[in-house]
Amino acid sequence: MYQAFGGGNYPDDAKGYWKLPTAAEERQMLADWAALVQNPKFDYVYSWGSQEKDTALSQSPALQSVFTAKNK
């Protein structure tokens, strides 16, 4: 599962808040994952739509491009 949300009212475990990854950060996460699991049976993005006033994949054309390229 790949993170594609951030901000809003979602606290993290370090008393901060989740942030939407940049396109570069997401590409790095995908590269790290690919190095560990070369042929995943299934993977997906969480979350498409905004919840609790966060910023989500639906609001980020840059992240949409990253996942479009990954899924070609």
PDB file of N, CA and C in Angstrom:
ATOM      1  N   MET A   1       0.850  -1.164   0.000  1.00  0.00           N
ATOM      2  CA  MET A   1       0.000   0.000   0.000  1.00  0.00           C
ATOM      3  C   MET A   1       0.899   1.230   0.000  1.00  0.00           C
ATOM      4  N   TYR A   2       0.587   2.182  -0.855  1.00  0.00           N
ATOM      5  CA  TYR A   2       1.379   3.410  -0.964  1.00  0.00           C
ATOM      6  C   TYR A   2       0.591   4.590  -0.420  1.00  0.00           C
ATOM      7  N   GLN A   3       1.254   5.438   0.322  1.00  0.00           N
ATOM      8  CA  GLN A   3       0.607   6.623   0.869  1.00  0.00           C
ATOM      9  C   GLN A   3       0.434   7.669  -0.215  1.00  0.00           C
ATOM     10  N   ALA A   4      -0.791   8.194  -0.306  1.00  0.00           N
ATOM     11  CA  ALA A   4      -1.058   9.309  -1.216  1.00  0.00           C
ATOM     12  C   ALA A   4      -2.064  10.260  -0.567  1.00  0.00           C
ATOM     13  N   PHE A   5      -1.832  10.571   0.683  1.00  0.00           N
ATOM     14  CA  PHE A   5      -2.666  11.509   1.426  1.00  0.00           C
ATOM     15  C   PHE A   5      -1.788  12.224   2.439  1.00  0.00           C
ATOM     16  N   GLY A   6      -2.284  13.295   2.994  1.00  0.00           N
ATOM     17  CA  GLY A   6      -1.537  13.961   4.050  1.00  0.00           C
ATOM     18  C   GLY A   6      -2.173  15.258   4.481  1.00  0.00           C
ATOM     19  N   GLY A   7      -1.713  15.763   5.603  1.00  0.00           N
ATOM     20  CA  GLY A   7      -2.277  16.991   6.141  1.00  0.00           C
ATOM     21  C   GLY A   7      -3.584  16.730   6.844  1.00  0.00           C
ATOM     22  N   GLY A   8      -4.418  17.714   6.900  1.00  0.00           N
ATOM     23  CA  GLY A   8      -5.723  17.547   7.516  1.00  0.00           C
ATOM     24  C   GLY A   8      -5.629  17.249   8.996  1.00  0.00           C
ATOM     25  N   ASN A   9      -6.552  16.434   9.459  1.00  0.00           N
ATOM     26  CA  ASN A   9      -6.677  16.151  10.891  1.00  0.00           C
ATOM     27  C   ASN A   9      -6.201  14.755  11.247  1.00  0.00           C
ATOM     28  N   TYR A  10      -5.204  14.233  10.562  1.00  0.00           N
ATOM     29  CA  TYR A  10      -4.691  12.891  10.827  1.00  0.00           C
ATOM     30  C   TYR A  10      -3.352  12.965  11.539  1.00  0.00           C
ATOM     31  N   PRO A  11      -3.337  12.821  12.875  1.00  0.00           N
ATOM     32  CA  PRO A  11      -2.060  12.844  13.590  1.00  0.00           C
ATOM     33  C   PRO A  11      -1.266  11.560  13.331  1.00  0.00           C
ATOM     34  N   ASP A  12       0.056  11.682  13.367  1.00  0.00           N
ATOM     35  CA  ASP A  12       0.911  10.496  13.252  1.00  0.00           C
ATOM     36  C   ASP A  12       1.326  10.041  14.654  1.00  0.00           C
ATOM     37  N   ASP A  13       2.146   9.031  14.724  1.00  0.00           N
ATOM     38  CA  ASP A  13       2.562   8.494  16.030  1.00  0.00           C
ATOM     39  C   ASP A  13       3.618   9.339  16.728  1.00  0.00           C
ATOM     40  N   ALA A  14       4.149  10.351  16.044  1.00  0.00           N
ATOM     41  CA  ALA A  14       5.201  11.184  16.618  1.00  0.00           C
ATOM     42  C   ALA A  14       4.675  12.555  17.048  1.00  0.00           C
ATOM     43  N   LYS A  15       3.354  12.643  17.248  1.00  0.00           N
ATOM     44  CA  LYS A  15       2.699  13.874  17.682  1.00  0.00           C
ATOM     45  C   LYS A  15       2.772  14.976  16.631  1.00  0.00           C
ATOM     46  N   GLY A  16       2.950  14.566  15.383  1.00  0.00           N
ATOM     47  CA  GLY A  16       2.859  15.475  14.249  1.00  0.00           C
ATOM     48  C   GLY A  16       1.655  15.073  13.416  1.00  0.00           C
ATOM     49  N   TYR A  17       1.689  15.416  12.150  1.00  0.00           N
ATOM     50  CA  TYR A  17       0.596  15.081  11.246  1.00  0.00           C
ATOM     51  C   TYR A  17       1.174  14.532   9.947  1.00  0.00           C
ATOM     52  N   TRP A  18       0.401  13.632   9.333  1.00  0.00           N
ATOM     53  CA  TRP A  18       0.813  13.094   8.045  1.00  0.00           C
ATOM     54  C   TRP A  18       0.919  14.223   7.032  1.00  0.00           C
ATOM     55  N   LYS A  19       1.850  14.099   6.095  1.00  0.00           N
ATOM     56  CA  LYS A  19       1.947  15.083   5.014  1.00  0.00           C
ATOM     57  C   LYS A  19       1.873  14.359   3.693  1.00  0.00           C
ATOM     58  N   LEU A  20       1.316  15.028   2.706  1.00  0.00           N
ATOM     59  CA  LEU A  20       1.250  14.456   1.373  1.00  0.00           C
ATOM     60  C   LEU A  20       2.660  14.344   0.826  1.00  0.00           C
ATOM     61  N   PRO A  21       3.068  13.157   0.358  1.00  0.00           N
ATOM     62  CA  PRO A  21       4.419  13.043  -0.194  1.00  0.00           C
ATOM     63  C   PRO A  21       4.534  13.836  -1.489  1.00  0.00           C
ATOM     64  N   THR A  22       5.703  14.369  -1.746  1.00  0.00           N
ATOM     65  CA  THR A  22       5.958  14.995  -3.035  1.00  0.00           C
ATOM     66  C   THR A  22       6.114  13.894  -4.079  1.00  0.00           C
ATOM     67  N   ALA A  23       6.092  14.269  -5.341  1.00  0.00           N
ATOM     68  CA  ALA A  23       6.299  13.292  -6.413  1.00  0.00           C
ATOM     69  C   ALA A  23       7.663  12.616  -6.248  1.00  0.00           C
ATOM     70  N   ALA A  24       8.691  13.374  -5.912  1.00  0.00           N
ATOM     71  CA  ALA A  24      10.033  12.806  -5.727  1.00  0.00           C
ATOM     72  C   ALA A  24      10.058  11.831  -4.549  1.00  0.00           C
ATOM     73  N   GLU A  25       9.409  12.198  -3.444  1.00  0.00           N
ATOM     74  CA  GLU A  25       9.349  11.295  -2.288  1.00  0.00           C
ATOM     75  C   GLU A  25       8.605  10.004  -2.639  1.00  0.00           C
ATOM     76  N   GLU A  26       7.518  10.135  -3.395  1.00  0.00           N
ATOM     77  CA  GLU A  26       6.749   8.946  -3.781  1.00  0.00           C
ATOM     78  C   GLU A  26       7.563   8.047  -4.708  1.00  0.00           C
ATOM     79  N   ARG A  27       8.267   8.633  -5.666  1.00  0.00           N
ATOM     80  CA  ARG A  27       9.131   7.833  -6.550  1.00  0.00           C
ATOM     81  C   ARG A  27      10.182   7.079  -5.735  1.00  0.00           C
ATOM     82  N   GLN A  28      10.734   7.717  -4.705  1.00  0.00           N
ATOM     83  CA  GLN A  28      11.725   7.055  -3.855  1.00  0.00           C
ATOM     84  C   GLN A  28      11.093   5.916  -3.071  1.00  0.00           C
ATOM     85  N   MET A  29       9.895   6.136  -2.523  1.00  0.00           N
ATOM     86  CA  MET A  29       9.203   5.066  -1.804  1.00  0.00           C
ATOM     87  C   MET A  29       8.936   3.883  -2.739  1.00  0.00           C
ATOM     88  N   LEU A  30       8.524   4.157  -3.962  1.00  0.00           N
ATOM     89  CA  LEU A  30       8.268   3.087  -4.929  1.00  0.00           C
ATOM     90  C   LEU A  30       9.556   2.344  -5.271  1.00  0.00           C
ATOM     91  N   ALA A  31      10.654   3.069  -5.411  1.00  0.00           N
ATOM     92  CA  ALA A  31      11.948   2.429  -5.696  1.00  0.00           C
ATOM     93  C   ALA A  31      12.390   1.560  -4.527  1.00  0.00           C
ATOM     94  N   ASP A  32      12.216   2.055  -3.307  1.00  0.00           N
ATOM     95  CA  ASP A  32      12.575   1.273  -2.125  1.00  0.00           C
ATOM     96  C   ASP A  32      11.737  -0.004  -2.056  1.00  0.00           C
ATOM     97  N   TRP A  33      10.443   0.121  -2.309  1.00  0.00           N
ATOM     98  CA  TRP A  33       9.546  -1.028  -2.277  1.00  0.00           C
ATOM     99  C   TRP A  33       9.933  -2.042  -3.351  1.00  0.00           C
ATOM    100  N   ALA A  34      10.214  -1.555  -4.557  1.00  0.00           N
ATOM    101  CA  ALA A  34      10.581  -2.440  -5.672  1.00  0.00           C
ATOM    102  C   ALA A  34      11.868  -3.214  -5.373  1.00  0.00           C
ATOM    103  N   ALA A  35      12.784  -2.596  -4.661  1.00  0.00           N
ATOM    104  CA  ALA A  35      14.031  -3.275  -4.304  1.00  0.00           C
ATOM    105  C   ALA A  35      13.793  -4.400  -3.298  1.00  0.00           C
ATOM    106  N   LEU A  36      12.781  -4.236  -2.456  1.00  0.00           N
ATOM    107  CA  LEU A  36      12.483  -5.236  -1.423  1.00  0.00           C
ATOM    108  C   LEU A  36      11.542  -6.335  -1.918  1.00  0.00           C
ATOM    109  N   VAL A  37      10.601  -5.954  -2.757  1.00  0.00           N
ATOM    110  CA  VAL A  37       9.589  -6.894  -3.254  1.00  0.00           C
ATOM    111  C   VAL A  37       9.515  -6.729  -4.768  1.00  0.00           C
ATOM    112  N   GLN A  38      10.257  -7.543  -5.479  1.00  0.00           N
ATOM    113  CA  GLN A  38      10.358  -7.371  -6.928  1.00  0.00           C
ATOM    114  C   GLN A  38       9.060  -7.673  -7.674  1.00  0.00           C
ATOM    115  N   ASN A  39       8.295  -8.631  -7.219  1.00  0.00           N
ATOM    116  CA  ASN A  39       7.060  -9.032  -7.909  1.00  0.00           C
ATOM    117  C   ASN A  39       5.886  -9.116  -6.935  1.00  0.00           C
ATOM    118  N   PRO A  40       5.406  -7.960  -6.475  1.00  0.00           N
ATOM    119  CA  PRO A  40       4.284  -8.024  -5.526  1.00  0.00           C
ATOM    120  C   PRO A  40       3.044  -8.612  -6.200  1.00  0.00           C
ATOM    121  N   LYS A  41       2.291  -9.377  -5.453  1.00  0.00           N
ATOM    122  CA  LYS A  41       1.049  -9.947  -5.976  1.00  0.00           C
ATOM    123  C   LYS A  41       0.005  -8.862  -6.174  1.00  0.00           C
ATOM    124  N   PHE A  42       0.064  -7.849  -5.322  1.00  0.00           N
ATOM    125  CA  PHE A  42      -0.964  -6.816  -5.331  1.00  0.00           C
ATOM    126  C   PHE A  42      -0.425  -5.598  -4.601  1.00  0.00           C
ATOM    127  N   ASP A  43      -0.631  -4.440  -5.163  1.00  0.00           N
ATOM    128  CA  ASP A  43      -0.327  -3.204  -4.443  1.00  0.00           C
ATOM    129  C   ASP A  43      -1.343  -2.150  -4.848  1.00  0.00           C
ATOM    130  N   TYR A  44      -1.472  -1.126  -4.032  1.00  0.00           N
ATOM    131  CA  TYR A  44      -2.471  -0.103  -4.314  1.00  0.00           C
ATOM    132  C   TYR A  44      -2.133   1.183  -3.578  1.00  0.00           C
ATOM    133  N   VAL A  45      -2.864   2.237  -3.944  1.00  0.00           N
ATOM    134  CA  VAL A  45      -2.675   3.552  -3.349  1.00  0.00           C
ATOM    135  C   VAL A  45      -3.794   3.823  -2.359  1.00  0.00           C
ATOM    136  N   TYR A  46      -3.427   4.383  -1.227  1.00  0.00           N
ATOM    137  CA  TYR A  46      -4.407   4.842  -0.261  1.00  0.00           C
ATOM    138  C   TYR A  46      -4.126   6.327  -0.050  1.00  0.00           C
ATOM    139  N   SER A  47      -4.946   7.177  -0.286  1.00  0.00           N
ATOM    140  CA  SER A  47      -6.355   7.170  -0.594  1.00  0.00           C
ATOM    141  C   SER A  47      -6.580   8.117  -1.761  1.00  0.00           C
ATOM    142  N   TRP A  48      -7.600   7.869  -2.561  1.00  0.00           N
ATOM    143  CA  TRP A  48      -7.885   8.729  -3.709  1.00  0.00           C
ATOM    144  C   TRP A  48      -8.515  10.041  -3.264  1.00  0.00           C
ATOM    145  N   GLY A  49      -9.528   9.990  -2.423  1.00  0.00           N
ATOM    146  CA  GLY A  49     -10.291  11.178  -2.062  1.00  0.00           C
ATOM    147  C   GLY A  49      -9.908  11.761  -0.720  1.00  0.00           C
ATOM    148  N   SER A  50     -10.242  13.023  -0.562  1.00  0.00           N
ATOM    149  CA  SER A  50      -9.942  13.744   0.671  1.00  0.00           C
ATOM    150  C   SER A  50     -10.883  13.306   1.796  1.00  0.00           C
ATOM    151  N   GLN A  51     -10.298  13.156   2.993  1.00  0.00           N
ATOM    152  CA  GLN A  51     -11.061  12.841   4.199  1.00  0.00           C
ATOM    153  C   GLN A  51     -10.494  13.687   5.332  1.00  0.00           C
ATOM    154  N   GLU A  52     -11.328  14.087   6.250  1.00  0.00           N
ATOM    155  CA  GLU A  52     -10.868  14.846   7.423  1.00  0.00           C
ATOM    156  C   GLU A  52      -9.993  16.042   7.039  1.00  0.00           C
ATOM    157  N   LYS A  53     -10.341  16.685   5.934  1.00  0.00           N
ATOM    158  CA  LYS A  53      -9.645  17.905   5.466  1.00  0.00           C
ATOM    159  C   LYS A  53      -8.193  17.658   5.082  1.00  0.00           C
ATOM    160  N   ASP A  54      -7.858  16.429   4.679  1.00  0.00           N
ATOM    161  CA  ASP A  54      -6.498  16.172   4.221  1.00  0.00           C
ATOM    162  C   ASP A  54      -6.376  16.478   2.724  1.00  0.00           C
ATOM    163  N   THR A  55      -5.183  16.374   2.216  1.00  0.00           N
ATOM    164  CA  THR A  55      -4.916  16.501   0.790  1.00  0.00           C
ATOM    165  C   THR A  55      -4.689  15.088   0.277  1.00  0.00           C
ATOM    166  N   ALA A  56      -5.335  14.751  -0.834  1.00  0.00           N
ATOM    167  CA  ALA A  56      -5.277  13.372  -1.316  1.00  0.00           C
ATOM    168  C   ALA A  56      -4.839  13.324  -2.778  1.00  0.00           C
ATOM    169  N   LEU A  57      -4.663  12.122  -3.270  1.00  0.00           N
ATOM    170  CA  LEU A  57      -4.226  11.877  -4.634  1.00  0.00           C
ATOM    171  C   LEU A  57      -5.100  12.596  -5.650  1.00  0.00           C
ATOM    172  N   SER A  58      -6.391  12.675  -5.407  1.00  0.00           N
ATOM    173  CA  SER A  58      -7.299  13.343  -6.344  1.00  0.00           C
ATOM    174  C   SER A  58      -6.963  14.812  -6.532  1.00  0.00           C
ATOM    175  N   GLN A  59      -6.208  15.394  -5.601  1.00  0.00           N
ATOM    176  CA  GLN A  59      -5.856  16.809  -5.648  1.00  0.00           C
ATOM    177  C   GLN A  59      -4.410  17.039  -6.077  1.00  0.00           C
ATOM    178  N   SER A  60      -3.707  15.993  -6.489  1.00  0.00           N
ATOM    179  CA  SER A  60      -2.292  16.137  -6.821  1.00  0.00           C
ATOM    180  C   SER A  60      -1.972  15.557  -8.202  1.00  0.00           C
ATOM    181  N   PRO A  61      -2.014  16.372  -9.236  1.00  0.00           N
ATOM    182  CA  PRO A  61      -1.644  15.886 -10.564  1.00  0.00           C
ATOM    183  C   PRO A  61      -0.219  15.321 -10.607  1.00  0.00           C
ATOM    184  N   ALA A  62       0.690  15.867  -9.797  1.00  0.00           N
ATOM    185  CA  ALA A  62       2.071  15.373  -9.789  1.00  0.00           C
ATOM    186  C   ALA A  62       2.121  13.922  -9.297  1.00  0.00           C
ATOM    187  N   LEU A  63       1.398  13.616  -8.218  1.00  0.00           N
ATOM    188  CA  LEU A  63       1.366  12.240  -7.727  1.00  0.00           C
ATOM    189  C   LEU A  63       0.590  11.325  -8.673  1.00  0.00           C
ATOM    190  N   GLN A  64      -0.465  11.836  -9.274  1.00  0.00           N
ATOM    191  CA  GLN A  64      -1.208  11.040 -10.253  1.00  0.00           C
ATOM    192  C   GLN A  64      -0.278  10.610 -11.387  1.00  0.00           C
ATOM    193  N   SER A  65       0.606  11.503 -11.814  1.00  0.00           N
ATOM    194  CA  SER A  65       1.563  11.173 -12.878  1.00  0.00           C
ATOM    195  C   SER A  65       2.530  10.072 -12.444  1.00  0.00           C
ATOM    196  N   VAL A  66       2.966  10.110 -11.191  1.00  0.00           N
ATOM    197  CA  VAL A  66       3.866   9.085 -10.673  1.00  0.00           C
ATOM    198  C   VAL A  66       3.184   7.716 -10.747  1.00  0.00           C
ATOM    199  N   PHE A  67       1.949   7.631 -10.283  1.00  0.00           N
ATOM    200  CA  PHE A  67       1.248   6.343 -10.283  1.00  0.00           C
ATOM    201  C   PHE A  67       0.822   5.911 -11.681  1.00  0.00           C
ATOM    202  N   THR A  68       0.537   6.852 -12.554  1.00  0.00           N
ATOM    203  CA  THR A  68       0.234   6.518 -13.942  1.00  0.00           C
ATOM    204  C   THR A  68       1.468   5.868 -14.580  1.00  0.00           C
ATOM    205  N   ALA A  69       2.622   6.456 -14.355  1.00  0.00           N
ATOM    206  CA  ALA A  69       3.877   5.894 -14.913  1.00  0.00           C
ATOM    207  C   ALA A  69       4.163   4.513 -14.315  1.00  0.00           C
ATOM    208  N   LYS A  70       3.918   4.349 -13.029  1.00  0.00           N
ATOM    209  CA  LYS A  70       4.173   3.056 -12.385  1.00  0.00           C
ATOM    210  C   LYS A  70       3.281   1.964 -12.963  1.00  0.00           C
ATOM    211  N   ASN A  71       2.047   2.301 -13.251  1.00  0.00           N
ATOM    212  CA  ASN A  71       1.071   1.299 -13.654  1.00  0.00           C
ATOM    213  C   ASN A  71       0.957   1.089 -15.159  1.00  0.00           C
ATOM    214  N   LYS A  72       1.865   1.643 -15.927  1.00  0.00           N
ATOM    215  CA  LYS A  72       1.836   1.424 -17.377  1.00  0.00           C
ATOM    216  C   LYS A  72       2.206   0.021 -17.720  1.00  0.00           C
TER     217      LYS A  72
END
